[in-house]
Amino acid sequence: MGNTVAESLAAALRRHGVRDVFGQSLPSLFFLAAPEQSIRQVVYRAENAGGAMADGYARVTGRVGVVAAQNGPAATLLVPPLSEAFKASVPVLAIVQEVPRPARDRNAFQELDHVKLFSACAKAVHRLDDPARVDDYVDAAMTEAASGRPGPVVLLVPKDVLAEPVPVASTRRAQYGHFPLDRYVPGPDQIKQVAELLATARRPLVVAGGGVHGSGAAPELAELQQLASIPVATTAMGKGAVDETQPLSVGVIGYAMGVNGATRHARRLVEDADLILFVGTRTNENATDGWRLFPPSATYVHLDVDPVEVGRNYEALRLVGDAKLTLRALLDELSTRSLDYRAAAHEKVVAQIEAARREHQAQILPLAGSEASPIRPERIMRELDAQLTPDTIVVADASYSSVWMCNYLRARRAGQRFLAPRGLAGLGWGVPMALGAKAAHRDSPVVALVGDGGFAHCWAEIETAVRMGLPITVVVLNNGILGYQKHSELHQFATHTDAIDFAPVDHAAIAIACGARGARVESAAELADTLRAALASPVATVVDVITDPDAYPPISAWDGDPTLSELTGGTGR
């Protein structure tokens, strides 16, 4: 007797390199078949978390993340994480069970039009109705997810189809589950033109986005940085694309370059650039500080795999192609040219970046060294940064957590991963993204940095961490408020709504109740030892840090706001 559709579906996924599928119970026939293909089921408590897990898994592996869910209400919960993956260019395959074919369009239990549901947050939506076409649809879904600009794809499978036999055994060998699936480069004339611009520019700057990580182009970017003595800044999604301890690395730029920002004093370097090379970035609002950061007088070059993004917000010389291969082509061309001008500028550029770093360190020293209670976030970041290794994966939730991570934690090597939901920046995805990253790299330390507001979205996934043996470290910045919301309202309206204040919550107790470790930190002196123990723990650990509610990160739009300055005694931040 031949395989069923469920068995063939599992075999097809395995052929494409799938080792893990994030799912709860349904489609049950698929998960019952998966172990025969050595596919591990990684559970979740809620589908929106499962989708974020698949997203985090894909980001750190270079393979398509796979999540499965039931029809109806479960499927609707996949919309937020698939929307994040869609905007952030992360390949995720969502397998969604549908009602049996005979029950379709008859108001069956939990029936929903999934095609319309996912149409705005997926590259494609397919329905597998024909048992003879399992391979066709799986191959198509994997190809669409991993090719061009990566993104999510949805495969709908009716419940009755999963049980049907497949009429012909598969003979396919193709493997499309990795990305970038296809790599291509611009023409040689474009490469020569850009190489000439880089070799002769007086004040060039590279701005690296998440596409550098997606392409695996960090080694080539580091080589370009050194060869041509070019300073490299990153977006939030591009953080870690270069070693941030390297003398030519600027740090994360964009909307968080306000007072006490790590790159605030490098703003002149950005504003004076005469040539800006964007690599793998959407030039979106936050990365460009509302499209105000970069000088209109500069010459722009935009390298991206998506031709629509190239030149979207800055008219640019177009380099449509894969970041890794295109940077390699630029390096090969530059190696044939004189780089004397760039070499002569090396010392001045390094000195400018170092001066900006020193000024920042001097400015934040009172906060980073503060013994105050509640604890300043800058102090928490200093203690956490001291314990990061080049192999540590850091995941930040949306809102303030992403800004603290980008400003105060440093990449120790080119290609180190710092994940954040920056596609749509939905709150609550930090912990599940961290679980997905840990499921992929069980030997790497994984730290999730979250606020108490975001953590409340996904407390239940701590039980998932315990059940699946995923010992992540969760650092909760517990300030008792929705911080970004409160301070944004104060900035805009000089008052705030009542919704921003929380009742007191002991997050360490929640962790312990789930079988994890929990530690509550109320004194800065306790931070270092508590974090060290958490990172060494064989089980998931929640470190609940009582954090100053009046501390807020360096959002540049808020500079000089008297309402916010009053919160910190007029010190600004």
Protein backbone atom coordinates (compact mmCIF):
# COMPACT_ATOMS: atom_id res chain seq x y z
CA MET A 1 0.00 0.00 0.00
CA GLY A 2 1.34 3.47 -0.91
CA ASN A 3 1.92 6.39 1.36
CA THR A 4 -0.88 8.67 2.46
CA VAL A 5 -0.80 12.37 1.67
CA ALA A 6 0.25 13.05 5.26
CA GLU A 7 3.18 10.64 4.95
CA SER A 8 4.17 12.02 1.55
CA LEU A 9 3.94 15.57 2.88
CA ALA A 10 6.36 14.70 5.67
CA ALA A 11 8.70 12.97 3.21
CA ALA A 12 8.65 15.97 0.86
CA LEU A 13 9.51 18.36 3.70
CA ARG A 14 12.35 16.10 4.79
CA ARG A 15 13.68 16.10 1.22
CA HIS A 16 13.86 19.88 1.41
CA GLY A 17 15.93 19.72 4.61
CA VAL A 18 13.19 20.26 7.19
CA ARG A 19 14.21 18.88 10.59
CA ASP A 20 11.76 20.68 12.87
CA VAL A 21 8.13 21.71 12.53
CA PHE A 22 6.49 24.01 15.06
CA GLY A 23 3.01 22.75 15.82
CA GLN A 24 0.44 21.78 18.40
CA SER A 25 -1.81 18.84 17.53
CA LEU A 26 -3.21 19.53 14.09
CA PRO A 27 -2.90 18.42 11.37
CA SER A 28 -2.75 15.26 13.50
CA LEU A 29 -2.12 12.87 10.61
CA PHE A 30 0.88 14.91 9.55
CA PHE A 31 2.41 14.98 13.03
CA LEU A 32 1.81 11.25 13.40
CA ALA A 33 3.72 10.73 10.15
CA ALA A 34 6.54 13.20 10.87
CA PRO A 35 8.63 10.99 13.22
CA GLU A 36 9.07 8.41 10.43
CA GLN A 37 10.96 11.12 8.55
CA SER A 38 12.98 12.14 11.63
CA ILE A 39 11.10 15.43 11.77
CA ARG A 40 10.80 16.74 15.30
CA GLN A 41 7.61 18.41 16.47
CA VAL A 42 8.42 21.54 18.49
CA VAL A 43 5.28 22.50 20.36
CA TYR A 44 3.80 25.87 21.13
CA ARG A 45 0.96 27.00 23.37
CA ALA A 46 -0.51 29.51 20.91
CA GLU A 47 -0.25 29.76 17.13
CA ASN A 48 0.99 33.34 17.07
CA ALA A 49 3.95 32.21 19.18
CA GLY A 50 4.46 29.18 16.93
CA GLY A 51 4.71 31.42 13.89
CA ALA A 52 7.28 33.61 15.65
CA MET A 53 9.25 30.48 16.58
CA ALA A 54 9.39 29.43 12.93
CA ASP A 55 10.49 32.96 12.04
CA GLY A 56 13.34 32.96 14.58
CA TYR A 57 14.36 29.48 13.46
CA ALA A 58 14.58 30.59 9.83
CA ARG A 59 16.59 33.72 10.64
CA VAL A 60 19.40 31.84 12.35
CA THR A 61 19.54 28.74 10.14
CA GLY A 62 19.19 29.96 6.58
CA ARG A 63 16.43 27.37 6.12
CA VAL A 64 12.70 27.77 5.65
CA GLY A 65 10.92 27.68 9.01
CA VAL A 66 7.82 25.52 9.12
CA VAL A 67 4.76 25.99 11.34
CA ALA A 68 1.50 24.03 11.29
CA ALA A 69 -1.95 24.92 12.59
CA GLN A 70 -5.60 24.01 12.66
CA ASN A 71 -8.23 25.76 10.54
CA GLY A 72 -10.33 28.66 11.78
CA PRO A 73 -9.35 30.45 14.99
CA ALA A 74 -5.94 28.80 15.12
CA ALA A 75 -5.20 29.89 11.57
CA THR A 76 -6.17 33.49 12.33
CA LEU A 77 -3.47 33.61 14.99
CA LEU A 78 -0.84 32.96 12.32
CA VAL A 79 -1.62 36.25 10.61
CA PRO A 80 0.51 38.43 12.95
CA PRO A 81 3.73 36.37 12.76
CA LEU A 82 3.35 35.75 9.03
CA SER A 83 2.88 39.49 8.56
CA GLU A 84 6.13 40.07 10.43
CA ALA A 85 7.92 37.51 8.28
CA PHE A 86 6.42 39.03 5.13
CA LYS A 87 7.68 42.54 5.92
CA ALA A 88 11.02 41.31 7.30
CA SER A 89 11.71 38.98 4.32
CA VAL A 90 11.83 35.77 6.35
CA PRO A 91 10.87 32.47 4.63
CA VAL A 92 8.22 30.58 6.60
CA LEU A 93 5.98 27.78 5.37
CA ALA A 94 2.63 27.57 7.18
CA ILE A 95 0.76 24.28 6.80
CA VAL A 96 -2.88 24.85 7.70
CA GLN A 97 -5.48 22.11 7.95
CA GLU A 98 -8.80 22.83 6.30
CA VAL A 99 -12.25 21.30 6.70
CA PRO A 100 -12.87 18.12 4.65
CA ARG A 101 -13.72 18.76 1.01
CA PRO A 102 -17.32 17.47 1.27
CA ALA A 103 -17.95 19.99 4.06
CA ARG A 104 -16.49 22.98 2.21
CA ASP A 105 -18.78 26.00 1.81
CA ARG A 106 -21.43 24.47 4.08
CA ASN A 107 -20.67 26.33 7.32
CA ALA A 108 -18.59 23.47 8.66
CA PHE A 109 -17.16 23.77 12.16
CA GLN A 110 -14.42 26.45 12.21
CA GLU A 111 -14.53 26.87 8.43
CA LEU A 112 -12.99 30.10 7.18
CA ASP A 113 -11.82 31.52 3.86
CA HIS A 114 -8.11 31.04 4.48
CA VAL A 115 -7.14 32.27 1.03
CA LYS A 116 -8.56 35.71 1.79
CA LEU A 117 -7.24 35.55 5.34
CA PHE A 118 -3.61 35.11 4.27
CA SER A 119 -3.64 37.06 1.02
CA ALA A 120 -2.08 40.18 2.55
CA CYS A 121 0.62 38.45 4.58
CA ALA A 122 1.95 35.68 2.32
CA LYS A 123 3.77 35.52 -0.99
CA ALA A 124 1.39 32.75 -2.08
CA VAL A 125 -1.45 30.60 -0.77
CA HIS A 126 -1.94 27.09 -2.19
CA ARG A 127 -4.57 24.44 -1.54
CA LEU A 128 -3.57 20.77 -1.87
CA ASP A 129 -6.74 19.03 -3.10
CA ASP A 130 -5.17 16.41 -5.38
CA PRO A 131 -3.27 13.57 -3.65
CA ALA A 132 -1.18 13.09 -6.79
CA ARG A 133 0.30 16.60 -6.47
CA VAL A 134 1.89 16.63 -3.01
CA ASP A 135 5.38 17.15 -4.43
CA ASP A 136 4.17 19.81 -6.87
CA TYR A 137 2.73 21.97 -4.14
CA VAL A 138 5.47 21.44 -1.57
CA ASP A 139 8.15 22.22 -4.15
CA ALA A 140 6.26 25.31 -5.28
CA ALA A 141 5.80 26.53 -1.71
CA MET A 142 9.46 26.04 -0.84
CA THR A 143 10.57 27.75 -4.04
CA GLU A 144 8.34 30.74 -3.45
CA ALA A 145 9.38 31.08 0.20
CA ALA A 146 13.13 30.88 -0.44
CA SER A 147 13.58 32.59 -3.82
CA GLY A 148 13.78 36.25 -4.75
CA ARG A 149 12.83 38.29 -1.72
CA PRO A 150 12.13 35.53 0.85
CA GLY A 151 8.83 35.44 2.68
CA PRO A 152 5.99 33.31 4.03
CA VAL A 153 3.90 30.88 1.98
CA VAL A 154 0.75 29.07 3.13
CA LEU A 155 -0.18 25.51 2.14
CA LEU A 156 -3.80 24.58 2.87
CA VAL A 157 -4.50 20.84 3.29
CA PRO A 158 -8.07 19.54 3.77
CA LYS A 159 -8.40 17.00 6.57
CA ASP A 160 -9.77 14.24 4.34
CA VAL A 161 -7.00 14.68 1.76
CA LEU A 162 -4.34 13.97 4.40
CA ALA A 163 -5.72 10.44 4.80
CA GLU A 164 -5.92 9.60 1.11
CA PRO A 165 -3.31 7.43 -0.63
CA VAL A 166 -0.82 8.95 -3.04
CA PRO A 167 -1.17 7.12 -6.36
CA VAL A 168 2.48 7.28 -7.46
CA ALA A 169 5.59 7.13 -5.27
CA SER A 170 7.82 10.18 -5.39
CA THR A 171 11.08 10.09 -7.33
CA ARG A 172 12.06 13.71 -6.73
CA ARG A 173 15.41 14.72 -5.27
CA ALA A 174 15.31 18.52 -5.42
CA GLN A 175 16.09 20.47 -2.22
CA TYR A 176 14.66 23.98 -2.06
CA GLY A 177 14.43 24.51 1.70
CA HIS A 178 17.43 26.83 2.04
CA PHE A 179 17.79 30.49 1.19
CA PRO A 180 18.80 32.39 -0.82
CA LEU A 181 17.65 29.70 -3.21
CA ASP A 182 19.04 31.51 -6.26
CA ARG A 183 21.99 33.88 -6.24
CA TYR A 184 22.66 36.38 -9.01
CA VAL A 185 24.73 39.50 -9.53
CA PRO A 186 24.31 42.76 -11.46
CA GLY A 187 26.13 43.25 -14.75
CA PRO A 188 29.89 43.92 -14.88
CA ASP A 189 29.46 47.53 -16.00
CA GLN A 190 27.42 48.32 -12.89
CA ILE A 191 30.01 46.62 -10.69
CA LYS A 192 32.82 48.67 -12.27
CA GLN A 193 30.87 51.90 -11.84
CA VAL A 194 30.20 51.29 -8.15
CA ALA A 195 33.77 50.14 -7.51
CA GLU A 196 35.03 53.40 -8.99
CA LEU A 197 32.68 55.37 -6.77
CA LEU A 198 33.85 53.49 -3.66
CA ALA A 199 37.53 53.87 -4.51
CA THR A 200 37.32 57.62 -5.06
CA ALA A 201 34.68 58.73 -2.55
CA ARG A 202 35.86 61.18 0.08
CA ARG A 203 33.38 60.23 2.78
CA PRO A 204 31.69 56.92 1.90
CA LEU A 205 29.36 55.03 4.24
CA VAL A 206 27.87 51.55 4.01
CA VAL A 207 24.46 51.00 5.65
CA ALA A 208 23.87 47.28 6.16
CA GLY A 209 20.39 45.85 6.70
CA GLY A 210 18.90 42.47 7.43
CA GLY A 211 19.53 41.36 3.86
CA VAL A 212 23.20 40.94 4.76
CA HIS A 213 22.28 38.24 7.27
CA GLY A 214 19.74 36.70 4.92
CA SER A 215 22.39 36.37 2.23
CA GLY A 216 25.14 35.25 4.59
CA ALA A 217 27.19 38.19 3.35
CA ALA A 218 28.80 39.25 6.64
CA PRO A 219 32.30 37.92 5.67
CA GLU A 220 32.26 39.84 2.40
CA LEU A 221 31.03 43.00 4.11
CA ALA A 222 33.82 42.76 6.70
CA GLU A 223 36.35 42.31 3.90
CA LEU A 224 35.04 45.38 2.06
CA GLN A 225 35.13 47.37 5.29
CA GLN A 226 38.84 46.60 5.70
CA LEU A 227 39.95 46.68 2.08
CA ALA A 228 38.53 50.12 1.34
CA SER A 229 38.60 51.61 4.86
CA ILE A 230 34.86 52.24 4.69
CA PRO A 231 32.81 52.86 7.84
CA VAL A 232 29.83 50.53 8.16
CA ALA A 233 26.64 51.38 10.02
CA THR A 234 23.72 48.98 10.35
CA THR A 235 19.98 49.08 10.71
CA ALA A 236 18.34 47.30 13.64
CA MET A 237 17.79 44.17 11.53
CA GLY A 238 21.35 44.41 10.23
CA LYS A 239 22.88 44.56 13.71
CA GLY A 240 25.71 42.04 13.91
CA ALA A 241 26.45 42.25 10.18
CA VAL A 242 29.82 43.66 11.24
CA ASP A 243 31.88 43.31 14.40
CA GLU A 244 30.86 46.34 16.46
CA THR A 245 34.16 46.36 18.33
CA GLN A 246 35.98 46.89 15.02
CA PRO A 247 37.40 50.43 14.56
CA LEU A 248 35.45 51.06 11.34
CA SER A 249 32.07 49.96 12.71
CA VAL A 250 29.68 52.81 13.49
CA GLY A 251 26.84 50.88 15.17
CA VAL A 252 23.08 50.95 14.67
CA ILE A 253 21.73 54.15 13.17
CA GLY A 254 18.20 55.40 12.60
CA TYR A 255 15.47 56.73 14.84
CA ALA A 256 17.26 55.95 18.13
CA MET A 257 20.17 58.38 17.85
CA GLY A 258 18.86 60.74 20.51
CA VAL A 259 20.51 61.85 23.74
CA ASN A 260 22.59 58.97 25.17
CA GLY A 261 22.28 57.01 21.91
CA ALA A 262 25.29 54.88 21.06
CA THR A 263 25.66 56.48 17.61
CA ARG A 264 24.44 59.96 18.43
CA HIS A 265 27.92 61.43 18.21
CA ALA A 266 28.50 59.68 14.88
CA ARG A 267 25.61 61.55 13.32
CA ARG A 268 28.02 63.99 11.67
CA LEU A 269 29.74 61.08 9.93
CA VAL A 270 26.39 60.03 8.47
CA GLU A 271 25.20 63.50 7.55
CA ASP A 272 28.50 64.38 5.82
CA ALA A 273 28.67 61.22 3.71
CA ASP A 274 29.13 61.88 0.01
CA LEU A 275 28.48 58.26 -1.04
CA ILE A 276 26.04 55.93 0.73
CA LEU A 277 25.83 52.25 -0.17
CA PHE A 278 22.67 50.58 1.12
CA VAL A 279 22.99 46.80 1.36
CA GLY A 280 19.89 44.70 2.00
CA THR A 281 17.72 47.38 3.61
CA ARG A 282 14.21 48.65 2.89
CA THR A 283 15.20 52.24 3.80
CA ASN A 284 12.11 52.25 6.01
CA GLU A 285 10.98 54.92 8.46
CA ASN A 286 12.83 53.77 11.57
CA ALA A 287 16.10 52.96 9.79
CA THR A 288 16.24 56.43 8.26
CA ASP A 289 14.85 58.41 11.22
CA GLY A 290 11.75 59.30 9.26
CA TRP A 291 13.80 59.71 6.04
CA ARG A 292 15.58 62.69 7.64
CA LEU A 293 18.92 61.14 8.51
CA PHE A 294 20.74 60.87 5.20
CA PRO A 295 21.94 63.94 3.27
CA PRO A 296 20.17 64.83 0.01
CA SER A 297 23.50 65.81 -1.53
CA ALA A 298 24.97 62.29 -1.29
CA THR A 299 25.26 59.85 -4.15
CA TYR A 300 23.32 56.67 -3.39
CA VAL A 301 23.93 53.08 -4.41
CA HIS A 302 21.31 50.50 -3.40
CA LEU A 303 22.05 46.77 -3.39
CA ASP A 304 19.07 44.53 -2.75
CA VAL A 305 17.57 41.30 -4.02
CA ASP A 306 14.17 42.97 -4.46
CA PRO A 307 14.17 45.30 -7.48
CA VAL A 308 11.14 47.16 -6.11
CA GLU A 309 12.98 48.18 -2.93
CA VAL A 310 16.00 49.50 -4.82
CA GLY A 311 15.57 53.26 -5.06
CA ARG A 312 12.16 53.23 -3.36
CA ASN A 313 12.99 56.12 -1.02
CA TYR A 314 16.38 57.33 -2.29
CA GLU A 315 17.13 57.64 -5.98
CA ALA A 316 20.10 55.36 -6.41
CA LEU A 317 22.41 53.54 -8.74
CA ARG A 318 20.73 50.14 -8.91
CA LEU A 319 22.46 46.92 -7.89
CA VAL A 320 19.78 44.25 -8.03
CA GLY A 321 21.19 40.96 -6.84
CA ASP A 322 22.40 38.79 -4.03
CA ALA A 323 24.37 40.67 -1.37
CA LYS A 324 27.05 38.02 -0.91
CA LEU A 325 27.88 37.53 -4.59
CA THR A 326 27.57 41.22 -5.44
CA LEU A 327 29.89 42.28 -2.62
CA ARG A 328 32.33 39.60 -3.77
CA ALA A 329 32.20 41.02 -7.29
CA LEU A 330 32.85 44.51 -5.90
CA LEU A 331 35.79 43.19 -3.88
CA ASP A 332 37.29 41.52 -6.94
CA GLU A 333 36.96 44.73 -8.94
CA LEU A 334 38.36 46.90 -6.14
CA SER A 335 41.37 44.61 -5.80
CA THR A 336 42.42 45.64 -9.33
CA ARG A 337 42.24 49.35 -8.53
CA SER A 338 44.34 51.78 -6.58
CA LEU A 339 42.89 52.33 -3.13
CA ASP A 340 45.49 54.88 -2.05
CA TYR A 341 42.88 57.53 -1.43
CA ARG A 342 40.85 55.29 0.83
CA ALA A 343 43.98 54.10 2.67
CA ALA A 344 44.96 57.71 3.31
CA ALA A 345 41.55 58.38 4.85
CA HIS A 346 41.69 55.33 7.15
CA GLU A 347 43.25 57.00 10.17
CA LYS A 348 40.91 59.99 10.08
CA VAL A 349 37.78 57.83 9.81
CA VAL A 350 38.86 55.55 12.64
CA ALA A 351 39.62 58.55 14.84
CA GLN A 352 36.20 60.05 14.14
CA ILE A 353 34.41 56.82 15.08
CA GLU A 354 36.54 56.33 18.20
CA ALA A 355 35.88 59.90 19.34
CA ALA A 356 32.14 59.32 18.94
CA ARG A 357 32.38 56.11 20.99
CA ARG A 358 34.33 57.80 23.78
CA GLU A 359 31.91 60.69 23.97
CA HIS A 360 29.00 58.25 24.21
CA GLN A 361 30.68 56.20 26.94
CA ALA A 362 31.42 59.31 28.98
CA GLN A 363 27.86 60.52 28.61
CA ILE A 364 26.18 57.30 29.74
CA LEU A 365 28.66 56.42 32.49
CA PRO A 366 26.52 57.90 35.30
CA LEU A 367 23.55 55.81 34.11
CA ALA A 368 25.42 52.64 33.20
CA GLY A 369 27.14 52.70 36.57
CA SER A 370 24.11 53.77 38.55
CA GLU A 371 23.31 51.93 41.81
CA ALA A 372 19.80 53.37 41.87
CA SER A 373 16.76 51.26 42.59
CA PRO A 374 14.59 50.70 40.57
CA ILE A 375 17.45 49.82 38.26
CA ARG A 376 18.40 51.89 35.23
CA PRO A 377 18.13 49.97 31.92
CA GLU A 378 21.58 51.25 30.95
CA ARG A 379 23.03 49.44 33.99
CA ILE A 380 21.17 46.26 33.08
CA MET A 381 22.56 46.43 29.55
CA ARG A 382 26.10 47.00 30.81
CA GLU A 383 25.96 43.90 32.99
CA LEU A 384 24.39 41.81 30.23
CA ASP A 385 26.83 43.00 27.58
CA ALA A 386 29.75 41.98 29.77
CA GLN A 387 28.54 38.36 29.68
CA LEU A 388 27.82 38.03 25.97
CA THR A 389 30.08 35.84 23.88
CA PRO A 390 30.55 35.85 20.08
CA ASP A 391 28.23 32.82 19.97
CA THR A 392 25.42 34.36 22.00
CA ILE A 393 22.16 34.95 20.14
CA VAL A 394 20.23 37.91 21.52
CA VAL A 395 16.54 38.35 20.77
CA ALA A 396 14.71 41.52 21.72
CA ASP A 397 11.00 42.08 21.82
CA ALA A 398 9.53 45.05 19.97
CA SER A 399 9.25 48.48 21.56
CA TYR A 400 11.90 49.59 24.06
CA SER A 401 13.67 46.24 24.27
CA SER A 402 14.81 46.48 20.64
CA VAL A 403 16.20 49.96 21.21
CA TRP A 404 18.09 48.99 24.37
CA MET A 405 19.60 46.00 22.57
CA CYS A 406 20.65 47.98 19.52
CA ASN A 407 22.25 50.76 21.53
CA TYR A 408 23.91 49.01 24.44
CA LEU A 409 24.76 45.41 23.47
CA ARG A 410 27.70 44.88 21.10
CA ALA A 411 28.31 42.34 18.36
CA ARG A 412 31.61 40.57 18.96
CA ARG A 413 31.98 39.17 15.45
CA ALA A 414 30.73 39.74 11.95
CA GLY A 415 27.60 37.66 11.51
CA GLN A 416 26.57 37.48 15.17
CA ARG A 417 22.79 37.43 15.42
CA PHE A 418 20.65 39.99 17.21
CA LEU A 419 17.02 39.30 16.34
CA ALA A 420 14.10 41.66 16.71
CA PRO A 421 10.63 41.85 15.16
CA ARG A 422 11.29 44.83 12.94
CA GLY A 423 8.99 43.91 10.05
CA LEU A 424 5.84 45.03 11.85
CA ALA A 425 7.37 45.35 15.32
CA GLY A 426 4.58 43.45 17.05
CA LEU A 427 4.80 43.23 20.82
CA GLY A 428 5.22 39.83 22.45
CA TRP A 429 7.32 38.01 19.86
CA GLY A 430 10.69 38.18 21.63
CA VAL A 431 10.35 35.02 23.73
CA PRO A 432 8.95 32.78 20.96
CA MET A 433 11.57 34.04 18.50
CA ALA A 434 14.21 33.12 21.07
CA LEU A 435 12.70 29.65 21.44
CA GLY A 436 12.86 29.19 17.68
CA ALA A 437 16.51 30.27 17.65
CA LYS A 438 17.31 27.91 20.52
CA ALA A 439 15.56 25.00 18.80
CA ALA A 440 17.89 25.60 15.87
CA HIS A 441 21.11 26.16 17.85
CA ARG A 442 20.89 24.20 21.06
CA ASP A 443 24.57 24.73 21.89
CA SER A 444 24.44 28.53 21.62
CA PRO A 445 23.41 30.75 24.54
CA VAL A 446 20.15 32.50 23.70
CA VAL A 447 18.97 35.58 25.60
CA ALA A 448 15.52 37.14 25.21
CA LEU A 449 15.29 40.76 26.29
CA VAL A 450 11.66 41.74 26.89
CA GLY A 451 9.56 44.30 28.67
CA ASP A 452 6.88 43.26 31.12
CA GLY A 453 4.22 44.40 28.67
CA GLY A 454 5.55 42.21 25.87
CA PHE A 455 6.25 39.25 28.13
CA ALA A 456 2.61 39.22 29.19
CA HIS A 457 1.66 38.27 25.62
CA CYS A 458 3.48 34.95 25.88
CA TRP A 459 3.95 33.83 29.50
CA ALA A 460 2.60 30.41 28.54
CA GLU A 461 5.56 29.73 26.27
CA ILE A 462 7.80 29.36 29.33
CA GLU A 463 6.07 26.02 29.82
CA THR A 464 6.97 25.28 26.19
CA ALA A 465 10.62 26.03 26.96
CA VAL A 466 10.53 23.61 29.88
CA ARG A 467 8.67 20.87 28.03
CA MET A 468 10.89 21.06 24.95
CA GLY A 469 14.15 21.42 26.88
CA LEU A 470 15.01 24.86 25.47
CA PRO A 471 17.02 26.64 28.18
CA ILE A 472 16.80 30.26 27.09
CA THR A 473 17.47 33.17 29.43
CA VAL A 474 14.63 35.70 29.57
CA VAL A 475 15.50 39.12 30.99
CA VAL A 476 12.31 41.01 31.85
CA LEU A 477 12.62 44.78 32.16
CA ASN A 478 9.83 45.08 34.69
CA ASN A 479 8.92 48.77 34.93
CA GLY A 480 5.21 48.23 35.58
CA ILE A 481 4.09 50.20 32.52
CA LEU A 482 3.70 50.08 28.77
CA GLY A 483 6.75 52.30 28.49
CA TYR A 484 6.82 53.24 24.84
CA GLN A 485 3.10 53.93 24.86
CA LYS A 486 3.27 56.11 27.97
CA HIS A 487 6.25 58.17 26.86
CA SER A 488 4.95 58.53 23.31
CA GLU A 489 1.64 59.83 24.64
CA LEU A 490 3.47 62.26 26.94
CA HIS A 491 5.54 63.46 23.99
CA GLN A 492 2.52 63.97 21.75
CA PHE A 493 -0.15 65.08 24.22
CA ALA A 494 1.62 65.99 27.49
CA THR A 495 -0.57 63.42 29.23
CA HIS A 496 -1.23 59.72 28.98
CA THR A 497 -4.09 57.23 29.02
CA ASP A 498 -4.88 55.02 32.00
CA ALA A 499 -4.13 51.82 30.09
CA ILE A 500 -0.37 52.09 30.50
CA ASP A 501 -0.17 51.12 34.21
CA PHE A 502 0.00 47.45 35.27
CA ALA A 503 -0.77 45.75 38.56
CA PRO A 504 2.42 44.36 40.14
CA VAL A 505 3.47 41.00 38.67
CA ASP A 506 6.14 38.60 39.93
CA HIS A 507 7.49 37.16 36.69
CA ALA A 508 9.99 34.97 38.52
CA ALA A 509 7.08 33.27 40.29
CA ILE A 510 5.40 32.61 36.93
CA ALA A 511 8.58 30.92 35.71
CA ILE A 512 8.86 28.75 38.79
CA ALA A 513 5.21 27.75 38.49
CA CYS A 514 5.97 26.49 34.97
CA GLY A 515 8.94 24.41 36.12
CA ALA A 516 11.55 26.93 34.98
CA ARG A 517 13.98 28.89 37.13
CA GLY A 518 13.05 32.37 38.26
CA ALA A 519 15.03 35.15 39.91
CA ARG A 520 13.87 38.58 40.96
CA VAL A 521 16.47 41.38 40.94
CA GLU A 522 15.82 44.62 42.80
CA SER A 523 19.41 45.79 43.32
CA ALA A 524 22.01 46.57 40.66
CA ALA A 525 24.62 44.76 42.73
CA GLU A 526 22.74 41.48 42.19
CA LEU A 527 22.68 41.71 38.40
CA ALA A 528 26.02 40.21 37.39
CA ASP A 529 25.79 37.04 39.48
CA THR A 530 22.13 36.49 38.65
CA LEU A 531 22.71 36.82 34.90
CA ARG A 532 25.74 34.52 35.09
CA ALA A 533 23.72 31.84 36.83
CA ALA A 534 20.86 32.20 34.37
CA LEU A 535 23.12 31.83 31.35
CA ALA A 536 24.67 28.69 32.86
CA SER A 537 21.33 27.14 33.83
CA PRO A 538 20.31 23.85 32.17
CA VAL A 539 16.66 24.96 32.22
CA ALA A 540 14.89 28.09 31.03
CA THR A 541 15.35 30.99 33.43
CA VAL A 542 13.39 34.21 33.84
CA VAL A 543 15.28 37.11 35.41
CA ASP A 544 12.70 39.65 36.55
CA VAL A 545 14.52 42.99 36.92
CA ILE A 546 12.69 45.82 38.66
CA THR A 547 13.39 48.65 36.24
CA ASP A 548 13.07 52.42 36.47
CA PRO A 549 9.70 53.36 34.89
CA ASP A 550 10.92 56.89 34.11
CA ALA A 551 13.87 55.68 32.03
CA TYR A 552 13.40 55.71 28.30
CA PRO A 553 15.75 55.04 25.41
CA PRO A 554 17.26 57.58 23.00
CA ILE A 555 14.41 58.16 20.57
CA SER A 556 15.68 61.07 18.51
CA ALA A 557 12.23 62.54 17.92
CA TRP A 558 11.88 63.07 21.67
CA ASP A 559 15.07 65.10 22.11
CA GLY A 560 14.47 68.24 24.12
CA ASP A 561 10.90 67.35 25.07
CA PRO A 562 10.33 69.19 28.39
CA THR A 563 7.56 66.81 29.44
CA LEU A 564 9.86 63.81 29.20
CA SER A 565 12.85 65.64 30.66
CA GLU A 566 10.86 66.24 33.83
CA LEU A 567 10.69 62.47 34.37
CA THR A 568 14.44 62.27 34.84
CA GLY A 569 14.98 65.50 36.66
CA GLY A 570 15.72 67.50 33.53
CA THR A 571 18.66 65.34 32.46
CA GLY A 572 17.06 64.38 29.15
CA ARG A 573 17.59 60.64 29.51
